Protein backbone atom coordinates (compact mmCIF):
# COMPACT_ATOMS: atom_id res chain seq x y z
CA MET A 1 30.58 197.09 98.86
CA SER A 2 31.90 198.80 102.44
CA GLU A 3 34.28 201.33 102.89
CA ALA A 4 36.85 198.82 104.04
CA SER A 5 36.38 196.47 100.68
CA GLY A 6 36.89 199.30 98.46
CA SER A 7 39.76 200.46 100.00
CA ILE A 8 41.33 197.08 99.71
CA ALA A 9 40.35 196.67 96.10
CA ALA A 10 42.11 200.04 95.38
CA HIS A 11 45.07 198.30 96.90
CA SER A 12 45.10 195.33 95.40
CA ARG A 13 45.00 196.70 92.00
CA PRO A 14 48.27 198.74 91.79
CA LYS A 15 49.89 195.40 93.22
CA THR A 16 48.35 193.33 90.46
CA ALA A 17 49.62 195.91 87.62
CA LEU A 18 52.92 195.73 88.95
CA LEU A 19 52.87 191.68 89.17
CA LEU A 20 51.59 191.88 85.41
CA GLY A 21 54.38 194.24 84.64
CA LEU A 22 56.92 192.34 85.93
CA GLY A 23 55.47 189.37 84.60
CA LEU A 24 55.47 191.10 80.91
CA VAL A 25 59.61 191.99 81.81
CA LEU A 26 60.17 188.37 82.58
CA PHE A 27 58.47 187.08 79.23
CA LEU A 28 60.59 189.69 76.60
CA PHE A 29 63.62 188.60 78.77
CA LEU A 30 62.91 184.49 78.24
CA LEU A 31 61.74 185.35 74.28
CA ALA A 32 65.35 187.06 74.31
CA LEU A 33 67.38 184.00 75.69
CA GLY A 34 65.35 181.53 73.29
CA THR A 35 66.31 183.80 70.26
CA TRP A 36 69.29 183.98 71.67
CA GLN A 37 70.15 180.35 71.58
CA VAL A 38 68.72 180.11 67.57
CA GLN A 39 71.24 182.80 66.85
CA ARG A 40 73.60 180.27 68.63
CA LEU A 41 72.47 177.16 66.89
CA TYR A 42 72.89 179.09 63.31
CA TRP A 43 76.77 179.67 64.35
CA LYS A 44 77.43 176.29 65.91
CA GLU A 45 75.75 174.31 62.54
CA GLY A 46 78.04 176.67 60.61
CA LEU A 47 81.30 176.47 62.85
CA LEU A 48 80.63 172.33 62.53
CA GLN A 49 80.28 172.42 58.92
CA THR A 50 83.42 174.33 58.55
CA ILE A 51 85.16 172.02 60.65
CA GLY A 52 84.01 169.47 59.10
CA GLN A 53 85.05 170.55 55.81
CA ARG A 54 88.49 171.09 56.58
CA THR A 55 89.08 168.37 58.74
CA HIS A 56 88.36 166.31 55.81
CA SER A 57 90.53 168.15 53.09
CA ALA A 58 94.17 167.21 51.76
CA PRO A 59 96.95 168.43 54.58
CA ARG A 60 98.50 171.78 53.01
CA PRO A 61 102.13 173.14 53.24
CA LEU A 62 102.61 175.15 56.03
CA ALA A 63 103.19 178.61 53.99
CA GLU A 64 99.89 177.86 52.69
CA VAL A 65 98.17 177.93 56.14
CA GLU A 66 100.43 180.81 57.24
CA ASN A 67 99.18 183.03 54.90
CA GLU A 68 95.22 182.20 55.23
CA PHE A 69 96.19 182.70 59.05
CA ALA A 70 97.52 186.19 58.42
CA SER A 71 94.10 186.92 56.68
CA SER A 72 91.49 185.75 58.70
CA SER A 73 93.27 184.72 62.04
CA ASP A 74 91.93 181.64 61.95
CA VAL A 75 93.06 177.96 60.70
CA ASP A 76 91.62 175.59 63.29
CA TYR A 77 91.84 172.00 62.12
CA THR A 78 93.13 172.74 58.98
CA PRO A 79 95.67 169.87 57.77
CA VAL A 80 99.27 171.01 57.17
CA THR A 81 102.81 169.91 56.75
CA ALA A 82 105.77 170.93 58.06
CA THR A 83 109.35 169.61 57.87
CA GLY A 84 112.40 170.43 59.77
CA THR A 85 113.86 168.96 63.36
CA PHE A 86 112.93 168.56 66.84
CA LEU A 87 114.49 170.27 69.43
CA HIS A 88 113.19 167.78 72.33
CA GLN A 89 115.53 169.54 75.05
CA GLY A 90 112.58 172.51 74.65
CA GLU A 91 109.69 169.99 75.03
CA ARG A 92 106.78 171.55 77.04
CA HIS A 93 104.13 169.34 78.85
CA PHE A 94 100.35 169.98 79.01
CA PHE A 95 98.32 168.67 81.18
CA ALA A 96 95.70 166.01 79.45
CA THR A 97 93.77 162.86 79.95
CA TRP A 98 93.64 160.39 77.19
CA GLU A 99 91.77 157.02 77.44
CA GLY A 100 91.01 157.42 80.82
CA ALA A 101 94.97 158.00 82.11
CA SER A 102 96.42 160.97 83.25
CA GLY A 103 99.42 162.41 81.78
CA PHE A 104 100.68 164.91 79.53
CA ASP A 105 100.43 166.63 75.42
CA VAL A 106 103.87 167.18 74.49
CA PHE A 107 104.68 170.25 72.77
CA THR A 108 107.72 170.47 71.13
CA PRO A 109 109.43 172.86 69.18
CA LEU A 110 110.14 171.96 65.44
CA GLU A 111 112.73 174.23 63.45
CA LEU A 112 111.64 174.82 60.18
CA ASP A 113 114.33 175.64 57.20
CA ASP A 114 113.89 179.26 57.78
CA GLY A 115 115.23 179.13 61.02
CA ARG A 116 111.33 179.68 62.30
CA PHE A 117 110.07 177.52 65.30
CA VAL A 118 106.77 176.13 65.23
CA LEU A 119 105.39 174.29 68.39
CA VAL A 120 104.06 170.63 67.27
CA ASN A 121 101.77 168.47 70.12
CA ARG A 122 102.87 165.01 69.15
CA GLY A 123 100.82 163.37 71.40
CA PHE A 124 100.30 161.84 74.94
CA VAL A 125 102.43 160.74 77.04
CA PRO A 126 101.40 158.89 80.81
CA TYR A 127 102.24 160.94 83.73
CA ASP A 128 105.08 159.04 85.03
CA LEU A 129 106.62 158.98 81.54
CA LYS A 130 106.58 162.91 81.67
CA ASP A 131 110.94 162.62 81.83
CA ALA A 132 111.93 162.16 78.08
CA THR A 133 114.40 160.21 78.98
CA LYS A 134 112.00 157.60 80.22
CA ARG A 135 111.30 157.12 76.63
CA PRO A 136 114.17 157.64 74.18
CA GLN A 137 113.24 155.87 70.95
CA GLY A 138 110.25 158.39 71.04
CA GLN A 139 113.26 161.67 70.65
CA ILE A 140 113.33 161.71 66.73
CA ALA A 141 116.75 162.78 65.19
CA GLY A 142 116.98 164.34 62.28
CA LYS A 143 115.09 166.09 59.74
CA VAL A 144 110.92 164.78 59.85
CA THR A 145 107.99 166.01 58.13
CA VAL A 146 105.21 166.45 60.42
CA THR A 147 101.22 166.22 59.44
CA GLY A 148 98.61 167.35 61.43
CA LEU A 149 95.81 169.57 62.22
CA ALA A 150 96.69 173.56 62.59
CA ARG A 151 95.52 174.73 66.03
CA ASN A 152 94.78 178.89 66.65
CA PRO A 153 96.48 179.93 69.96
CA LEU A 154 94.55 181.01 72.80
CA PRO A 155 94.04 184.74 73.57
CA ALA A 156 93.33 184.15 77.16
CA LYS A 157 93.28 181.68 79.62
CA PRO A 158 89.69 180.10 78.68
CA SER A 159 88.51 179.82 82.39
CA VAL A 160 89.37 181.05 85.34
CA MET A 161 88.49 177.37 87.21
CA LEU A 162 91.82 176.63 85.45
CA PRO A 163 95.08 176.77 87.36
CA ASP A 164 97.51 179.10 86.61
CA ASN A 165 100.83 177.48 84.19
CA ASP A 166 103.89 176.33 85.99
CA PRO A 167 106.70 177.35 83.37
CA LYS A 168 109.11 176.65 86.14
CA LYS A 169 107.68 172.94 86.60
CA ASN A 170 107.19 172.51 82.61
CA ILE A 171 103.91 172.03 83.44
CA PHE A 172 100.92 173.90 81.73
CA TYR A 173 97.29 173.78 82.07
CA TRP A 174 96.29 176.03 79.16
CA LYS A 175 98.00 176.60 75.95
CA ASP A 176 99.63 179.60 76.62
CA ARG A 177 101.62 179.54 73.24
CA ASP A 178 104.29 182.85 74.21
CA ALA A 179 104.67 181.11 77.73
CA MET A 180 105.32 177.66 75.99
CA ALA A 181 108.27 179.43 73.71
CA GLN A 182 109.83 181.36 76.24
CA SER A 183 110.60 178.66 78.38
CA ALA A 184 111.35 176.04 75.75
CA GLY A 185 114.70 177.13 75.68
CA LEU A 186 115.09 178.65 72.22
CA PRO A 187 117.52 180.96 70.67
CA ALA A 188 117.40 184.68 71.22
CA GLY A 189 115.21 186.42 69.00
CA ALA A 190 113.59 183.15 67.84
CA ARG A 191 110.51 183.45 65.06
CA LEU A 192 107.09 181.20 65.70
CA VAL A 193 104.77 180.16 63.94
CA PRO A 194 101.81 181.73 64.93
CA PHE A 195 99.76 178.49 65.79
CA PHE A 196 100.38 175.11 66.71
CA ILE A 197 100.11 171.47 64.95
CA ASP A 198 98.17 168.61 66.53
CA ALA A 199 100.18 166.03 65.17
CA ASP A 200 98.49 163.16 63.55
CA LYS A 201 97.88 159.44 64.33
CA ALA A 202 101.30 158.42 62.68
CA PRO A 203 103.03 156.20 65.47
CA ASN A 204 106.36 157.56 66.99
CA PRO A 205 109.09 154.59 67.75
CA GLY A 206 108.70 153.38 70.79
CA GLY A 207 104.81 153.75 70.77
CA LEU A 208 105.22 157.32 72.68
CA PRO A 209 104.00 159.94 72.60
CA VAL A 210 100.73 159.09 71.19
CA GLY A 211 99.79 161.10 68.22
CA GLY A 212 96.33 161.86 67.20
CA VAL A 213 95.00 163.30 70.60
CA THR A 214 92.75 165.80 69.08
CA ILE A 215 89.48 165.80 70.22
CA ILE A 216 86.81 167.65 68.04
CA ASP A 217 83.67 167.27 70.21
CA LEU A 218 81.36 170.32 70.22
CA PRO A 219 78.57 169.59 71.81
CA ASN A 220 75.52 171.31 70.29
CA SER A 221 72.70 171.64 72.40
CA HIS A 222 71.18 175.04 71.74
CA LEU A 223 67.77 173.76 70.12
CA GLN A 224 67.19 171.83 73.35
CA TYR A 225 68.01 175.43 75.02
CA ALA A 226 65.82 177.26 72.29
CA PHE A 227 62.79 175.37 73.57
CA THR A 228 62.83 175.61 76.76
CA TRP A 229 63.47 179.47 77.01
CA TYR A 230 60.43 179.31 74.51
CA GLY A 231 58.83 177.10 76.60
CA LEU A 232 58.89 178.80 79.58
CA ALA A 233 57.84 182.18 77.67
CA ALA A 234 54.64 180.19 76.60
CA ALA A 235 53.68 179.21 80.01
CA LEU A 236 54.23 182.52 81.89
CA ALA A 237 52.28 184.18 78.70
CA ALA A 238 49.39 181.85 79.41
CA VAL A 239 49.62 182.68 83.50
CA LEU A 240 49.29 186.20 82.92
CA ILE A 241 46.70 185.89 80.12
CA ILE A 242 44.40 183.70 82.64
CA LYS A 243 45.03 186.46 85.29
CA LEU A 244 43.92 189.65 82.77
CA ARG A 245 40.89 187.71 82.09
CA HIS A 246 39.84 186.49 85.51
CA PRO A 247 41.36 189.12 88.04
CA ALA A 248 41.13 188.94 91.92
CA LYS A 249 37.53 189.34 92.87
CA GLU A 250 36.84 192.09 95.13
CA THR A 251 35.06 191.16 98.42
């Protein structure tokens, strides 16, 4: 072997070692991603099981669900009943779609017998019926009993892609419970139940709002993602093994 070819081989060995090292780091990273997806799979399956058990259980009194929230901070999708009087003048409007139409979910304060309030998502109204005076039949007066699903409050805006809420125009793009309550004209010092209630499908007079709009659709593609990451790791491992068994020939 000539001096020149020996010099080339000497330079190629560190380069090959560097590539193999980077390949090993990438392999471990892909394994970590696959393992993380497996962990997410178990978490998602547990969550879906919990939601399924909750939604198929009998509605419980509001006080019971409040006690559970106080201890766990999680009552999402728990069936609940609450009795009180709607303050329709304080209804808040959350931008939403339903069956292909754009409009708003109507969140209305329900005043309870103890003087507290809970925000109830009464359901969907079309965009051009945002103004409650256009749907007077649905503005139920007097004491009512609402049955629906408890929904946890959101700690913050779920995505930077969402527009900011506009309380002055009474348009909300994410469910900020405190901002909704503060802009609803409730009495000073009003006390709030710490979660929402999504009303069930029981029809309202005049057909609006349309209740039962809670969407329970949590995609579970973690197993597919895990196979993808593990598959890429396996392919990379094969390339690295071939590289180790058949190093570049020195000339």
